[in-house]
Amino acid sequence: MKEQFLNEAFYHALDGHRQAKRLTWKAVAEQAEVSASTLTRIAQGKRPDVDTMAALCRWSGLSANDFIDYQETVAKPEPLGQIMALLRADKKIAPEGAAAIEVMIKAAYEQFRKEI
């Protein structure tokens, strides 16, 4: 069975955050920088696209991962993948700098990696 996004739970969590801040949905749309019609579609059961999801999680402080129903055991991320994600997310490093560092880390990782 595949993973499922828990849209209704996400919407209710957003609504709780909105109510706690005493905001209208229009104000949420403005602050989160998403369209009001997108929020209406989410309320109607439509899934948000990835950019909308990111914007609403940023605005609310919610974690998207909390709204994914994993039907099976979730794979543990590989350390190299985690390093690359953190490196690419670092806003202090230009993309070309991150790519150069990535090449070095991958080379070192391959050289010193043990077979288990």
PDB file of N, CA and C in Angstrom:
ATOM      1  N   MET A   1       0.841  -1.182   0.000  1.00  0.00           N
ATOM      2  CA  MET A   1       0.000   0.000   0.000  1.00  0.00           C
ATOM      3  C   MET A   1       0.885   1.245   0.000  1.00  0.00           C
ATOM      4  N   LYS A   2       0.439   2.297  -0.637  1.00  0.00           N
ATOM      5  CA  LYS A   2       1.283   3.479  -0.715  1.00  0.00           C
ATOM      6  C   LYS A   2       0.906   4.524   0.325  1.00  0.00           C
ATOM      7  N   GLU A   3       1.785   5.496   0.461  1.00  0.00           N
ATOM      8  CA  GLU A   3       1.576   6.554   1.429  1.00  0.00           C
ATOM      9  C   GLU A   3       0.372   7.407   1.027  1.00  0.00           C
ATOM     10  N   GLN A   4      -0.211   8.017   2.015  1.00  0.00           N
ATOM     11  CA  GLN A   4      -1.368   8.854   1.761  1.00  0.00           C
ATOM     12  C   GLN A   4      -1.211  10.160   2.530  1.00  0.00           C
ATOM     13  N   PHE A   5      -1.489  11.269   1.839  1.00  0.00           N
ATOM     14  CA  PHE A   5      -1.460  12.572   2.496  1.00  0.00           C
ATOM     15  C   PHE A   5      -2.773  12.767   3.233  1.00  0.00           C
ATOM     16  N   LEU A   6      -2.688  13.143   4.490  1.00  0.00           N
ATOM     17  CA  LEU A   6      -3.868  13.326   5.331  1.00  0.00           C
ATOM     18  C   LEU A   6      -4.342  14.772   5.223  1.00  0.00           C
ATOM     19  N   ASN A   7      -4.999  15.061   4.110  1.00  0.00           N
ATOM     20  CA  ASN A   7      -5.411  16.420   3.783  1.00  0.00           C
ATOM     21  C   ASN A   7      -6.341  17.017   4.840  1.00  0.00           C
ATOM     22  N   GLU A   8      -7.315  16.236   5.274  1.00  0.00           N
ATOM     23  CA  GLU A   8      -8.274  16.749   6.255  1.00  0.00           C
ATOM     24  C   GLU A   8      -7.574  17.120   7.563  1.00  0.00           C
ATOM     25  N   ALA A   9      -6.655  16.278   8.001  1.00  0.00           N
ATOM     26  CA  ALA A   9      -5.907  16.575   9.232  1.00  0.00           C
ATOM     27  C   ALA A   9      -5.056  17.834   9.058  1.00  0.00           C
ATOM     28  N   PHE A  10      -4.447  17.979   7.876  1.00  0.00           N
ATOM     29  CA  PHE A  10      -3.635  19.166   7.593  1.00  0.00           C
ATOM     30  C   PHE A  10      -4.507  20.420   7.628  1.00  0.00           C
ATOM     31  N   TYR A  11      -5.657  20.347   6.983  1.00  0.00           N
ATOM     32  CA  TYR A  11      -6.563  21.494   6.972  1.00  0.00           C
ATOM     33  C   TYR A  11      -6.986  21.875   8.395  1.00  0.00           C
ATOM     34  N   HIS A  12      -7.350  20.897   9.199  1.00  0.00           N
ATOM     35  CA  HIS A  12      -7.795  21.186  10.571  1.00  0.00           C
ATOM     36  C   HIS A  12      -6.657  21.743  11.425  1.00  0.00           C
ATOM     37  N   ALA A  13      -5.439  21.268  11.192  1.00  0.00           N
ATOM     38  CA  ALA A  13      -4.286  21.821  11.915  1.00  0.00           C
ATOM     39  C   ALA A  13      -4.062  23.279  11.519  1.00  0.00           C
ATOM     40  N   LEU A  14      -4.179  23.566  10.212  1.00  0.00           N
ATOM     41  CA  LEU A  14      -4.065  24.956   9.750  1.00  0.00           C
ATOM     42  C   LEU A  14      -5.160  25.818  10.361  1.00  0.00           C
ATOM     43  N   ASP A  15      -6.367  25.276  10.380  1.00  0.00           N
ATOM     44  CA  ASP A  15      -7.491  26.024  10.935  1.00  0.00           C
ATOM     45  C   ASP A  15      -7.279  26.311  12.414  1.00  0.00           C
ATOM     46  N   GLY A  16      -6.752  25.347  13.148  1.00  0.00           N
ATOM     47  CA  GLY A  16      -6.465  25.569  14.565  1.00  0.00           C
ATOM     48  C   GLY A  16      -5.426  26.659  14.754  1.00  0.00           C
ATOM     49  N   HIS A  17      -4.409  26.637  13.919  1.00  0.00           N
ATOM     50  CA  HIS A  17      -3.371  27.671  13.978  1.00  0.00           C
ATOM     51  C   HIS A  17      -3.976  29.038  13.651  1.00  0.00           C
ATOM     52  N   ARG A  18      -4.816  29.057  12.621  1.00  0.00           N
ATOM     53  CA  ARG A  18      -5.480  30.304  12.203  1.00  0.00           C
ATOM     54  C   ARG A  18      -6.344  30.853  13.340  1.00  0.00           C
ATOM     55  N   GLN A  19      -7.131  29.974  13.952  1.00  0.00           N
ATOM     56  CA  GLN A  19      -8.019  30.413  15.036  1.00  0.00           C
ATOM     57  C   GLN A  19      -7.224  30.907  16.237  1.00  0.00           C
ATOM     58  N   ALA A  20      -6.140  30.220  16.567  1.00  0.00           N
ATOM     59  CA  ALA A  20      -5.309  30.637  17.691  1.00  0.00           C
ATOM     60  C   ALA A  20      -4.737  32.032  17.464  1.00  0.00           C
ATOM     61  N   LYS A  21      -4.451  32.360  16.204  1.00  0.00           N
ATOM     62  CA  LYS A  21      -3.918  33.683  15.874  1.00  0.00           C
ATOM     63  C   LYS A  21      -5.022  34.703  15.589  1.00  0.00           C
ATOM     64  N   ARG A  22      -6.272  34.228  15.650  1.00  0.00           N
ATOM     65  CA  ARG A  22      -7.448  35.081  15.396  1.00  0.00           C
ATOM     66  C   ARG A  22      -7.375  35.760  14.029  1.00  0.00           C
ATOM     67  N   LEU A  23      -7.115  34.944  13.019  1.00  0.00           N
ATOM     68  CA  LEU A  23      -6.993  35.453  11.657  1.00  0.00           C
ATOM     69  C   LEU A  23      -8.133  34.952  10.790  1.00  0.00           C
ATOM     70  N   THR A  24      -8.422  35.699   9.748  1.00  0.00           N
ATOM     71  CA  THR A  24      -9.349  35.225   8.727  1.00  0.00           C
ATOM     72  C   THR A  24      -8.547  34.378   7.739  1.00  0.00           C
ATOM     73  N   TRP A  25      -9.259  33.600   6.929  1.00  0.00           N
ATOM     74  CA  TRP A  25      -8.574  32.823   5.902  1.00  0.00           C
ATOM     75  C   TRP A  25      -7.906  33.747   4.891  1.00  0.00           C
ATOM     76  N   LYS A  26      -8.504  34.900   4.664  1.00  0.00           N
ATOM     77  CA  LYS A  26      -7.903  35.872   3.748  1.00  0.00           C
ATOM     78  C   LYS A  26      -6.545  36.330   4.292  1.00  0.00           C
ATOM     79  N   ALA A  27      -6.479  36.577   5.596  1.00  0.00           N
ATOM     80  CA  ALA A  27      -5.218  36.986   6.221  1.00  0.00           C
ATOM     81  C   ALA A  27      -4.191  35.853   6.155  1.00  0.00           C
ATOM     82  N   VAL A  28      -4.650  34.622   6.321  1.00  0.00           N
ATOM     83  CA  VAL A  28      -3.744  33.472   6.203  1.00  0.00           C
ATOM     84  C   VAL A  28      -3.144  33.441   4.802  1.00  0.00           C
ATOM     85  N   ALA A  29      -3.998  33.609   3.795  1.00  0.00           N
ATOM     86  CA  ALA A  29      -3.537  33.599   2.404  1.00  0.00           C
ATOM     87  C   ALA A  29      -2.479  34.678   2.184  1.00  0.00           C
ATOM     88  N   GLU A  30      -2.716  35.859   2.710  1.00  0.00           N
ATOM     89  CA  GLU A  30      -1.764  36.959   2.548  1.00  0.00           C
ATOM     90  C   GLU A  30      -0.452  36.673   3.264  1.00  0.00           C
ATOM     91  N   GLN A  31      -0.540  36.233   4.507  1.00  0.00           N
ATOM     92  CA  GLN A  31       0.670  35.981   5.293  1.00  0.00           C
ATOM     93  C   GLN A  31       1.471  34.799   4.760  1.00  0.00           C
ATOM     94  N   ALA A  32       0.788  33.759   4.315  1.00  0.00           N
ATOM     95  CA  ALA A  32       1.469  32.567   3.806  1.00  0.00           C
ATOM     96  C   ALA A  32       1.863  32.720   2.339  1.00  0.00           C
ATOM     97  N   GLU A  33       1.365  33.784   1.729  1.00  0.00           N
ATOM     98  CA  GLU A  33       1.638  34.057   0.316  1.00  0.00           C
ATOM     99  C   GLU A  33       1.131  32.945  -0.591  1.00  0.00           C
ATOM    100  N   VAL A  34      -0.125  32.549  -0.341  1.00  0.00           N
ATOM    101  CA  VAL A  34      -0.835  31.602  -1.196  1.00  0.00           C
ATOM    102  C   VAL A  34      -2.173  32.239  -1.553  1.00  0.00           C
ATOM    103  N   SER A  35      -2.822  31.722  -2.568  1.00  0.00           N
ATOM    104  CA  SER A  35      -4.107  32.314  -2.958  1.00  0.00           C
ATOM    105  C   SER A  35      -5.221  31.830  -2.035  1.00  0.00           C
ATOM    106  N   ALA A  36      -6.201  32.693  -1.839  1.00  0.00           N
ATOM    107  CA  ALA A  36      -7.355  32.329  -1.020  1.00  0.00           C
ATOM    108  C   ALA A  36      -8.109  31.163  -1.651  1.00  0.00           C
ATOM    109  N   SER A  37      -8.143  31.115  -2.979  1.00  0.00           N
ATOM    110  CA  SER A  37      -8.843  30.015  -3.659  1.00  0.00           C
ATOM    111  C   SER A  37      -8.145  28.679  -3.396  1.00  0.00           C
ATOM    112  N   THR A  38      -6.848  28.705  -3.231  1.00  0.00           N
ATOM    113  CA  THR A  38      -6.105  27.478  -2.899  1.00  0.00           C
ATOM    114  C   THR A  38      -6.525  26.978  -1.527  1.00  0.00           C
ATOM    115  N   LEU A  39      -6.689  27.878  -0.582  1.00  0.00           N
ATOM    116  CA  LEU A  39      -7.135  27.483   0.759  1.00  0.00           C
ATOM    117  C   LEU A  39      -8.554  26.912   0.704  1.00  0.00           C
ATOM    118  N   THR A  40      -9.395  27.480  -0.139  1.00  0.00           N
ATOM    119  CA  THR A  40     -10.754  26.968  -0.309  1.00  0.00           C
ATOM    120  C   THR A  40     -10.712  25.549  -0.872  1.00  0.00           C
ATOM    121  N   ARG A  41      -9.841  25.314  -1.847  1.00  0.00           N
ATOM    122  CA  ARG A  41      -9.726  23.975  -2.428  1.00  0.00           C
ATOM    123  C   ARG A  41      -9.244  22.963  -1.382  1.00  0.00           C
ATOM    124  N   ILE A  42      -8.308  23.366  -0.527  1.00  0.00           N
ATOM    125  CA  ILE A  42      -7.835  22.473   0.536  1.00  0.00           C
ATOM    126  C   ILE A  42      -8.990  22.144   1.479  1.00  0.00           C
ATOM    127  N   ALA A  43      -9.795  23.152   1.810  1.00  0.00           N
ATOM    128  CA  ALA A  43     -10.960  22.948   2.687  1.00  0.00           C
ATOM    129  C   ALA A  43     -11.967  21.989   2.050  1.00  0.00           C
ATOM    130  N   GLN A  44     -11.989  21.951   0.712  1.00  0.00           N
ATOM    131  CA  GLN A  44     -12.917  21.075  -0.013  1.00  0.00           C
ATOM    132  C   GLN A  44     -12.342  19.675  -0.241  1.00  0.00           C
ATOM    133  N   GLY A  45     -11.151  19.420   0.309  1.00  0.00           N
ATOM    134  CA  GLY A  45     -10.568  18.090   0.217  1.00  0.00           C
ATOM    135  C   GLY A  45      -9.516  17.909  -0.851  1.00  0.00           C
ATOM    136  N   LYS A  46      -9.173  18.977  -1.567  1.00  0.00           N
ATOM    137  CA  LYS A  46      -8.134  18.882  -2.593  1.00  0.00           C
ATOM    138  C   LYS A  46      -6.770  18.981  -1.928  1.00  0.00           C
ATOM    139  N   ARG A  47      -5.805  18.228  -2.457  1.00  0.00           N
ATOM    140  CA  ARG A  47      -4.455  18.273  -1.907  1.00  0.00           C
ATOM    141  C   ARG A  47      -3.718  19.516  -2.401  1.00  0.00           C
ATOM    142  N   PRO A  48      -2.932  20.128  -1.520  1.00  0.00           N
ATOM    143  CA  PRO A  48      -2.133  21.275  -1.968  1.00  0.00           C
ATOM    144  C   PRO A  48      -0.949  20.798  -2.816  1.00  0.00           C
ATOM    145  N   ASP A  49      -0.496  21.661  -3.724  1.00  0.00           N
ATOM    146  CA  ASP A  49       0.724  21.320  -4.455  1.00  0.00           C
ATOM    147  C   ASP A  49       1.907  21.522  -3.510  1.00  0.00           C
ATOM    148  N   VAL A  50       3.063  21.079  -3.944  1.00  0.00           N
ATOM    149  CA  VAL A  50       4.232  21.084  -3.053  1.00  0.00           C
ATOM    150  C   VAL A  50       4.637  22.500  -2.635  1.00  0.00           C
ATOM    151  N   ASP A  51       4.529  23.481  -3.535  1.00  0.00           N
ATOM    152  CA  ASP A  51       4.905  24.852  -3.175  1.00  0.00           C
ATOM    153  C   ASP A  51       3.939  25.437  -2.154  1.00  0.00           C
ATOM    154  N   THR A  52       2.658  25.148  -2.331  1.00  0.00           N
ATOM    155  CA  THR A  52       1.654  25.613  -1.371  1.00  0.00           C
ATOM    156  C   THR A  52       1.870  24.951  -0.017  1.00  0.00           C
ATOM    157  N   MET A  53       2.138  23.655  -0.057  1.00  0.00           N
ATOM    158  CA  MET A  53       2.393  22.917   1.184  1.00  0.00           C
ATOM    159  C   MET A  53       3.578  23.523   1.928  1.00  0.00           C
ATOM    160  N   ALA A  54       4.640  23.811   1.199  1.00  0.00           N
ATOM    161  CA  ALA A  54       5.831  24.406   1.819  1.00  0.00           C
ATOM    162  C   ALA A  54       5.511  25.769   2.416  1.00  0.00           C
ATOM    163  N   ALA A  55       4.752  26.582   1.684  1.00  0.00           N
ATOM    164  CA  ALA A  55       4.409  27.923   2.169  1.00  0.00           C
ATOM    165  C   ALA A  55       3.545  27.843   3.426  1.00  0.00           C
ATOM    166  N   LEU A  56       2.583  26.944   3.433  1.00  0.00           N
ATOM    167  CA  LEU A  56       1.697  26.824   4.600  1.00  0.00           C
ATOM    168  C   LEU A  56       2.427  26.229   5.803  1.00  0.00           C
ATOM    169  N   CYS A  57       3.341  25.312   5.557  1.00  0.00           N
ATOM    170  CA  CYS A  57       4.142  24.768   6.669  1.00  0.00           C
ATOM    171  C   CYS A  57       5.063  25.843   7.225  1.00  0.00           C
ATOM    172  N   ARG A  58       5.651  26.646   6.348  1.00  0.00           N
ATOM    173  CA  ARG A  58       6.510  27.746   6.801  1.00  0.00           C
ATOM    174  C   ARG A  58       5.702  28.728   7.642  1.00  0.00           C
ATOM    175  N   TRP A  59       4.524  29.078   7.170  1.00  0.00           N
ATOM    176  CA  TRP A  59       3.677  30.038   7.876  1.00  0.00           C
ATOM    177  C   TRP A  59       3.229  29.504   9.235  1.00  0.00           C
ATOM    178  N   SER A  60       2.836  28.241   9.281  1.00  0.00           N
ATOM    179  CA  SER A  60       2.239  27.682  10.495  1.00  0.00           C
ATOM    180  C   SER A  60       3.239  27.019  11.440  1.00  0.00           C
ATOM    181  N   GLY A  61       4.407  26.660  10.923  1.00  0.00           N
ATOM    182  CA  GLY A  61       5.363  25.915  11.739  1.00  0.00           C
ATOM    183  C   GLY A  61       5.054  24.422  11.787  1.00  0.00           C
ATOM    184  N   LEU A  62       4.051  23.980  11.030  1.00  0.00           N
ATOM    185  CA  LEU A  62       3.697  22.567  10.982  1.00  0.00           C
ATOM    186  C   LEU A  62       4.717  21.803  10.138  1.00  0.00           C
ATOM    187  N   SER A  63       4.853  20.532  10.409  1.00  0.00           N
ATOM    188  CA  SER A  63       5.741  19.672   9.625  1.00  0.00           C
ATOM    189  C   SER A  63       4.896  18.846   8.663  1.00  0.00           C
ATOM    190  N   ALA A  64       5.212  18.917   7.374  1.00  0.00           N
ATOM    191  CA  ALA A  64       4.482  18.147   6.366  1.00  0.00           C
ATOM    192  C   ALA A  64       4.533  16.656   6.679  1.00  0.00           C
ATOM    193  N   ASN A  65       5.614  16.208   7.251  1.00  0.00           N
ATOM    194  CA  ASN A  65       5.788  14.787   7.550  1.00  0.00           C
ATOM    195  C   ASN A  65       4.727  14.267   8.523  1.00  0.00           C
ATOM    196  N   ASP A  66       4.181  15.155   9.336  1.00  0.00           N
ATOM    197  CA  ASP A  66       3.159  14.744  10.292  1.00  0.00           C
ATOM    198  C   ASP A  66       1.829  14.418   9.624  1.00  0.00           C
ATOM    199  N   PHE A  67       1.695  14.734   8.344  1.00  0.00           N
ATOM    200  CA  PHE A  67       0.435  14.533   7.645  1.00  0.00           C
ATOM    201  C   PHE A  67       0.546  13.504   6.522  1.00  0.00           C
ATOM    202  N   ILE A  68       1.547  12.648   6.641  1.00  0.00           N
ATOM    203  CA  ILE A  68       1.698  11.550   5.693  1.00  0.00           C
ATOM    204  C   ILE A  68       1.476  10.257   6.460  1.00  0.00           C
ATOM    205  N   ASP A  69       0.521   9.479   5.980  1.00  0.00           N
ATOM    206  CA  ASP A  69       0.208   8.192   6.594  1.00  0.00           C
ATOM    207  C   ASP A  69       1.070   7.145   5.915  1.00  0.00           C
ATOM    208  N   TYR A  70       2.133   6.749   6.577  1.00  0.00           N
ATOM    209  CA  TYR A  70       3.028   5.741   6.035  1.00  0.00           C
ATOM    210  C   TYR A  70       2.430   4.372   6.320  1.00  0.00           C
ATOM    211  N   GLN A  71       2.102   3.651   5.268  1.00  0.00           N
ATOM    212  CA  GLN A  71       1.456   2.350   5.410  1.00  0.00           C
ATOM    213  C   GLN A  71       2.453   1.269   5.824  1.00  0.00           C
ATOM    214  N   GLU A  72       3.698   1.464   5.504  1.00  0.00           N
ATOM    215  CA  GLU A  72       4.722   0.489   5.840  1.00  0.00           C
ATOM    216  C   GLU A  72       5.823   1.192   6.621  1.00  0.00           C
ATOM    217  N   THR A  73       6.803   0.441   7.021  1.00  0.00           N
ATOM    218  CA  THR A  73       7.925   1.018   7.744  1.00  0.00           C
ATOM    219  C   THR A  73       8.616   2.046   6.869  1.00  0.00           C
ATOM    220  N   VAL A  74       8.875   3.188   7.428  1.00  0.00           N
ATOM    221  CA  VAL A  74       9.542   4.254   6.702  1.00  0.00           C
ATOM    222  C   VAL A  74      11.026   3.939   6.614  1.00  0.00           C
ATOM    223  N   ALA A  75      11.569   4.094   5.423  1.00  0.00           N
ATOM    224  CA  ALA A  75      12.996   3.845   5.234  1.00  0.00           C
ATOM    225  C   ALA A  75      13.808   4.862   6.026  1.00  0.00           C
ATOM    226  N   LYS A  76      14.892   4.386   6.594  1.00  0.00           N
ATOM    227  CA  LYS A  76      15.796   5.282   7.306  1.00  0.00           C
ATOM    228  C   LYS A  76      16.661   5.993   6.262  1.00  0.00           C
ATOM    229  N   PRO A  77      16.750   7.315   6.325  1.00  0.00           N
ATOM    230  CA  PRO A  77      17.527   8.019   5.307  1.00  0.00           C
ATOM    231  C   PRO A  77      19.011   7.680   5.396  1.00  0.00           C
ATOM    232  N   GLU A  78      19.630   7.618   4.243  1.00  0.00           N
ATOM    233  CA  GLU A  78      21.067   7.372   4.176  1.00  0.00           C
ATOM    234  C   GLU A  78      21.801   8.630   4.639  1.00  0.00           C
ATOM    235  N   PRO A  79      22.872   8.478   5.410  1.00  0.00           N
ATOM    236  CA  PRO A  79      23.622   9.646   5.878  1.00  0.00           C
ATOM    237  C   PRO A  79      24.090  10.553   4.737  1.00  0.00           C
ATOM    238  N   LEU A  80      24.533   9.973   3.638  1.00  0.00           N
ATOM    239  CA  LEU A  80      24.982  10.789   2.512  1.00  0.00           C
ATOM    240  C   LEU A  80      23.842  11.649   1.977  1.00  0.00           C
ATOM    241  N   GLY A  81      22.657  11.076   1.894  1.00  0.00           N
ATOM    242  CA  GLY A  81      21.492  11.837   1.447  1.00  0.00           C
ATOM    243  C   GLY A  81      21.156  12.975   2.400  1.00  0.00           C
ATOM    244  N   GLN A  82      21.254  12.704   3.686  1.00  0.00           N
ATOM    245  CA  GLN A  82      20.988  13.743   4.682  1.00  0.00           C
ATOM    246  C   GLN A  82      22.006  14.874   4.581  1.00  0.00           C
ATOM    247  N   ILE A  83      23.268  14.509   4.378  1.00  0.00           N
ATOM    248  CA  ILE A  83      24.327  15.522   4.252  1.00  0.00           C
ATOM    249  C   ILE A  83      24.056  16.400   3.039  1.00  0.00           C
ATOM    250  N   MET A  84      23.702  15.765   1.915  1.00  0.00           N
ATOM    251  CA  MET A  84      23.444  16.526   0.691  1.00  0.00           C
ATOM    252  C   MET A  84      22.245  17.462   0.870  1.00  0.00           C
ATOM    253  N   ALA A  85      21.213  16.985   1.533  1.00  0.00           N
ATOM    254  CA  ALA A  85      20.032  17.822   1.764  1.00  0.00           C
ATOM    255  C   ALA A  85      20.381  19.039   2.626  1.00  0.00           C
ATOM    256  N   LEU A  86      21.147  18.815   3.685  1.00  0.00           N
ATOM    257  CA  LEU A  86      21.549  19.925   4.552  1.00  0.00           C
ATOM    258  C   LEU A  86      22.458  20.909   3.820  1.00  0.00           C
ATOM    259  N   LEU A  87      23.358  20.372   3.029  1.00  0.00           N
ATOM    260  CA  LEU A  87      24.280  21.215   2.266  1.00  0.00           C
ATOM    261  C   LEU A  87      23.510  22.096   1.279  1.00  0.00           C
ATOM    262  N   ARG A  88      22.580  21.506   0.556  1.00  0.00           N
ATOM    263  CA  ARG A  88      21.799  22.261  -0.436  1.00  0.00           C
ATOM    264  C   ARG A  88      20.840  23.250   0.228  1.00  0.00           C
ATOM    265  N   ALA A  89      20.446  22.987   1.470  1.00  0.00           N
ATOM    266  CA  ALA A  89      19.522  23.885   2.173  1.00  0.00           C
ATOM    267  C   ALA A  89      20.235  25.067   2.821  1.00  0.00           C
ATOM    268  N   ASP A  90      21.567  25.007   2.924  1.00  0.00           N
ATOM    269  CA  ASP A  90      22.332  26.074   3.570  1.00  0.00           C
ATOM    270  C   ASP A  90      22.363  27.310   2.682  1.00  0.00           C
ATOM    271  N   LYS A  91      21.664  28.340   3.082  1.00  0.00           N
ATOM    272  CA  LYS A  91      21.561  29.567   2.287  1.00  0.00           C
ATOM    273  C   LYS A  91      22.856  30.378   2.275  1.00  0.00           C
ATOM    274  N   LYS A  92      23.810  30.007   3.115  1.00  0.00           N
ATOM    275  CA  LYS A  92      25.096  30.710   3.156  1.00  0.00           C
ATOM    276  C   LYS A  92      26.049  30.215   2.074  1.00  0.00           C
ATOM    277  N   ILE A  93      25.678  29.122   1.407  1.00  0.00           N
ATOM    278  CA  ILE A  93      26.539  28.549   0.374  1.00  0.00           C
ATOM    279  C   ILE A  93      25.846  28.702  -0.977  1.00  0.00           C
ATOM    280  N   ALA A  94      26.549  29.284  -1.937  1.00  0.00           N
ATOM    281  CA  ALA A  94      26.014  29.429  -3.290  1.00  0.00           C
ATOM    282  C   ALA A  94      25.817  28.035  -3.894  1.00  0.00           C
ATOM    283  N   PRO A  95      24.840  27.874  -4.793  1.00  0.00           N
ATOM    284  CA  PRO A  95      24.596  26.551  -5.382  1.00  0.00           C
ATOM    285  C   PRO A  95      25.839  25.914  -6.012  1.00  0.00           C
ATOM    286  N   GLU A  96      26.668  26.728  -6.691  1.00  0.00           N
ATOM    287  CA  GLU A  96      27.875  26.154  -7.297  1.00  0.00           C
ATOM    288  C   GLU A  96      28.887  25.724  -6.232  1.00  0.00           C
ATOM    289  N   GLY A  97      28.919  26.431  -5.106  1.00  0.00           N
ATOM    290  CA  GLY A  97      29.783  26.040  -3.993  1.00  0.00           C
ATOM    291  C   GLY A  97      29.294  24.746  -3.361  1.00  0.00           C
ATOM    292  N   ALA A  98      27.973  24.639  -3.194  1.00  0.00           N
ATOM    293  CA  ALA A  98      27.395  23.414  -2.643  1.00  0.00           C
ATOM    294  C   ALA A  98      27.699  22.230  -3.553  1.00  0.00           C
ATOM    295  N   ALA A  99      27.622  22.448  -4.870  1.00  0.00           N
ATOM    296  CA  ALA A  99      27.911  21.365  -5.825  1.00  0.00           C
ATOM    297  C   ALA A  99      29.370  20.926  -5.715  1.00  0.00           C
ATOM    298  N   ALA A 100      30.285  21.884  -5.553  1.00  0.00           N
ATOM    299  CA  ALA A 100      31.708  21.549  -5.424  1.00  0.00           C
ATOM    300  C   ALA A 100      31.972  20.763  -4.138  1.00  0.00           C
ATOM    301  N   ILE A 101      31.383  21.209  -3.044  1.00  0.00           N
ATOM    302  CA  ILE A 101      31.551  20.504  -1.765  1.00  0.00           C
ATOM    303  C   ILE A 101      30.936  19.104  -1.860  1.00  0.00           C
ATOM    304  N   GLU A 102      29.803  19.010  -2.543  1.00  0.00           N
ATOM    305  CA  GLU A 102      29.117  17.740  -2.721  1.00  0.00           C
ATOM    306  C   GLU A 102      30.018  16.715  -3.428  1.00  0.00           C
ATOM    307  N   VAL A 103      30.731  17.157  -4.461  1.00  0.00           N
ATOM    308  CA  VAL A 103      31.645  16.278  -5.190  1.00  0.00           C
ATOM    309  C   VAL A 103      32.725  15.743  -4.240  1.00  0.00           C
ATOM    310  N   MET A 104      33.284  16.620  -3.411  1.00  0.00           N
ATOM    311  CA  MET A 104      34.330  16.198  -2.478  1.00  0.00           C
ATOM    312  C   MET A 104      33.795  15.211  -1.438  1.00  0.00           C
ATOM    313  N   ILE A 105      32.626  15.511  -0.899  1.00  0.00           N
ATOM    314  CA  ILE A 105      32.045  14.635   0.126  1.00  0.00           C
ATOM    315  C   ILE A 105      31.723  13.267  -0.462  1.00  0.00           C
ATOM    316  N   LYS A 106      31.149  13.250  -1.658  1.00  0.00           N
ATOM    317  CA  LYS A 106      30.819  11.969  -2.290  1.00  0.00           C
ATOM    318  C   LYS A 106      32.071  11.140  -2.549  1.00  0.00           C
ATOM    319  N   ALA A 107      33.137  11.786  -3.008  1.00  0.00           N
ATOM    320  CA  ALA A 107      34.390  11.074  -3.268  1.00  0.00           C
ATOM    321  C   ALA A 107      34.960  10.489  -1.975  1.00  0.00           C
ATOM    322  N   ALA A 108      34.971  11.300  -0.919  1.00  0.00           N
ATOM    323  CA  ALA A 108      35.488  10.820   0.370  1.00  0.00           C
ATOM    324  C   ALA A 108      34.600   9.705   0.921  1.00  0.00           C
ATOM    325  N   TYR A 109      33.328   9.845   0.779  1.00  0.00           N
ATOM    326  CA  TYR A 109      32.387   8.844   1.270  1.00  0.00           C
ATOM    327  C   TYR A 109      32.629   7.501   0.577  1.00  0.00           C
ATOM    328  N   GLU A 110      32.767   7.537  -0.738  1.00  0.00           N
ATOM    329  CA  GLU A 110      33.019   6.306  -1.488  1.00  0.00           C
ATOM    330  C   GLU A 110      34.353   5.666  -1.098  1.00  0.00           C
ATOM    331  N   GLN A 111      35.356   6.487  -0.867  1.00  0.00           N
ATOM    332  CA  GLN A 111      36.683   5.969  -0.519  1.00  0.00           C
ATOM    333  C   GLN A 111      36.684   5.282   0.837  1.00  0.00           C
ATOM    334  N   PHE A 112      35.969   5.836   1.804  1.00  0.00           N
ATOM    335  CA  PHE A 112      36.040   5.323   3.176  1.00  0.00           C
ATOM    336  C   PHE A 112      34.843   4.480   3.590  1.00  0.00           C
ATOM    337  N   ARG A 113      33.887   4.306   2.715  1.00  0.00           N
ATOM    338  CA  ARG A 113      32.700   3.536   3.035  1.00  0.00           C
ATOM    339  C   ARG A 113      33.017   2.055   3.212  1.00  0.00           C
ATOM    340  N   LYS A 114      32.460   1.478   4.261  1.00  0.00           N
ATOM    341  CA  LYS A 114      32.638   0.058   4.528  1.00  0.00           C
ATOM    342  C   LYS A 114      31.448  -0.704   3.944  1.00  0.00           C
ATOM    343  N   GLU A 115      31.686  -1.865   3.447  1.00  0.00           N
ATOM    344  CA  GLU A 115      30.606  -2.747   3.000  1.00  0.00           C
ATOM    345  C   GLU A 115      30.066  -3.471   4.216  1.00  0.00           C
ATOM    346  N   ILE A 116      28.776  -3.430   4.382  1.00  0.00           N
ATOM    347  CA  ILE A 116      28.160  -4.103   5.554  1.00  0.00           C
ATOM    348  C   ILE A 116      27.325  -5.278   5.076  1.00  0.00           C
TER     349      ILE A 116
END
